[in-house]
Amino acid sequence: MLNNEQRITNIEVFEAAQIYAEIFVNKNETRTWTAKILSLHLRIIQKIPENMFEFQQYLGFLLFLCIFTTGFWLMIFLVNFVFYWVAGASWELWKEKRAAKKLSNQ
């Protein structure tokens, strides 16, 4: 982890990249493909928010995802037991009714 003195903000990186781009363009007097790529990177860096989260701040979200997915698959697993139980009970009831019907017919 970097402390506050060691961190470089995105604004500082953007300003440094702008200076390098100006030097590069002024030196060559033309906008070469390298200068175009550099300006594209500058636009991308400019869009990065200043308050990006660190990995430790995602641990709660990752824990939530683990618990949620575990609960989801456990629910699916247990619902299958309910369907199996209902189908088995219905099948046994049908067999008992069929056996009772055969006995009454004899």
Protein backbone atom coordinates (compact mmCIF):
# COMPACT_ATOMS: atom_id res chain seq x y z
CA MET A 1 0.00 0.00 0.00
CA LEU A 2 1.22 3.46 -0.84
CA ASN A 3 0.90 6.23 1.68
CA ASN A 4 -0.38 9.67 0.73
CA GLU A 5 3.09 11.05 -0.05
CA GLN A 6 3.89 8.23 -2.47
CA ARG A 7 0.64 8.31 -4.43
CA ILE A 8 0.59 9.99 -7.79
CA THR A 9 -2.79 11.34 -8.74
CA ASN A 10 -4.27 10.95 -12.19
CA ILE A 11 -4.09 14.72 -12.66
CA GLU A 12 -0.32 14.66 -12.11
CA VAL A 13 0.04 11.80 -14.59
CA PHE A 14 -2.11 13.67 -17.11
CA GLU A 15 -0.08 16.87 -16.71
CA ALA A 16 3.20 15.00 -17.14
CA ALA A 17 1.88 13.20 -20.22
CA GLN A 18 0.71 16.50 -21.69
CA ILE A 19 4.19 17.97 -21.26
CA TYR A 20 5.77 14.94 -22.93
CA ALA A 21 3.26 15.16 -25.79
CA GLU A 22 4.01 18.83 -26.37
CA ILE A 23 7.74 18.17 -26.39
CA PHE A 24 7.28 15.24 -28.76
CA VAL A 25 5.04 17.14 -31.20
CA ASN A 26 7.19 20.30 -31.13
CA LYS A 27 10.35 18.28 -31.67
CA ASN A 28 9.09 16.48 -34.76
CA GLU A 29 6.87 19.32 -36.06
CA THR A 30 4.36 16.75 -37.33
CA ARG A 31 1.74 14.62 -35.71
CA THR A 32 3.07 11.14 -36.24
CA TRP A 33 1.25 7.99 -35.31
CA THR A 34 3.10 7.94 -31.99
CA ALA A 35 1.81 11.40 -31.12
CA LYS A 36 -1.72 10.31 -32.09
CA ILE A 37 -1.46 7.27 -29.81
CA LEU A 38 -0.11 9.45 -27.01
CA SER A 39 -2.99 11.91 -27.37
CA LEU A 40 -5.44 9.00 -27.32
CA HIS A 41 -3.87 7.77 -24.08
CA LEU A 42 -4.17 11.27 -22.67
CA ARG A 43 -7.90 11.29 -23.38
CA ILE A 44 -8.24 7.87 -21.73
CA ILE A 45 -6.27 8.97 -18.66
CA GLN A 46 -8.43 12.06 -18.42
CA LYS A 47 -11.57 9.93 -18.09
CA ILE A 48 -10.22 7.79 -15.21
CA PRO A 49 -11.94 8.98 -12.03
CA GLU A 50 -9.77 10.30 -9.23
CA ASN A 51 -11.45 8.22 -6.54
CA MET A 52 -10.80 4.69 -7.83
CA PHE A 53 -11.36 2.01 -5.22
CA GLU A 54 -8.62 -0.18 -3.85
CA PHE A 55 -8.96 -3.96 -3.75
CA GLN A 56 -9.71 -4.03 -0.03
CA GLN A 57 -12.85 -2.00 -0.62
CA TYR A 58 -14.22 -4.70 -2.90
CA LEU A 59 -13.93 -7.48 -0.32
CA GLY A 60 -17.42 -6.83 1.07
CA PHE A 61 -18.88 -6.95 -2.43
CA LEU A 62 -17.01 -10.18 -3.20
CA LEU A 63 -18.27 -11.68 0.06
CA PHE A 64 -21.83 -10.68 -0.86
CA LEU A 65 -21.45 -12.32 -4.29
CA CYS A 66 -20.16 -15.55 -2.74
CA ILE A 67 -22.98 -15.73 -0.20
CA PHE A 68 -25.61 -14.80 -2.80
CA THR A 69 -24.48 -17.40 -5.35
CA THR A 70 -24.13 -20.08 -2.67
CA GLY A 71 -27.66 -19.31 -1.47
CA PHE A 72 -28.99 -19.31 -5.02
CA TRP A 73 -27.60 -22.73 -5.87
CA LEU A 74 -28.65 -24.13 -2.48
CA MET A 75 -32.18 -22.88 -3.15
CA ILE A 76 -32.20 -24.54 -6.60
CA PHE A 77 -30.91 -27.77 -5.04
CA LEU A 78 -33.57 -27.78 -2.29
CA VAL A 79 -36.40 -26.89 -4.68
CA ASN A 80 -35.47 -29.97 -6.70
CA PHE A 81 -36.01 -32.06 -3.57
CA VAL A 82 -39.48 -30.54 -3.17
CA PHE A 83 -40.38 -31.41 -6.75
CA TYR A 84 -39.01 -34.94 -6.27
CA TRP A 85 -41.03 -35.33 -3.06
CA VAL A 86 -44.27 -34.06 -4.66
CA ALA A 87 -43.82 -36.25 -7.75
CA GLY A 88 -42.99 -39.32 -5.63
CA ALA A 89 -45.96 -38.78 -3.33
CA SER A 90 -48.28 -38.32 -6.33
CA TRP A 91 -46.93 -41.48 -7.97
CA GLU A 92 -47.43 -43.53 -4.79
CA LEU A 93 -50.97 -42.16 -4.36
CA TRP A 94 -51.76 -43.08 -7.96
CA LYS A 95 -50.40 -46.61 -7.44
CA GLU A 96 -52.47 -47.04 -4.26
CA LYS A 97 -55.63 -45.88 -6.02
CA ARG A 98 -54.92 -48.24 -8.93
CA ALA A 99 -54.35 -51.16 -6.53
CA ALA A 100 -57.56 -50.32 -4.64
CA LYS A 101 -59.46 -50.16 -7.93
CA LYS A 102 -58.12 -53.60 -8.95
CA LEU A 103 -59.15 -55.07 -5.60
CA SER A 104 -62.66 -53.64 -5.87
CA ASN A 105 -63.01 -55.02 -9.43
CA GLN A 106 -62.12 -58.59 -8.34
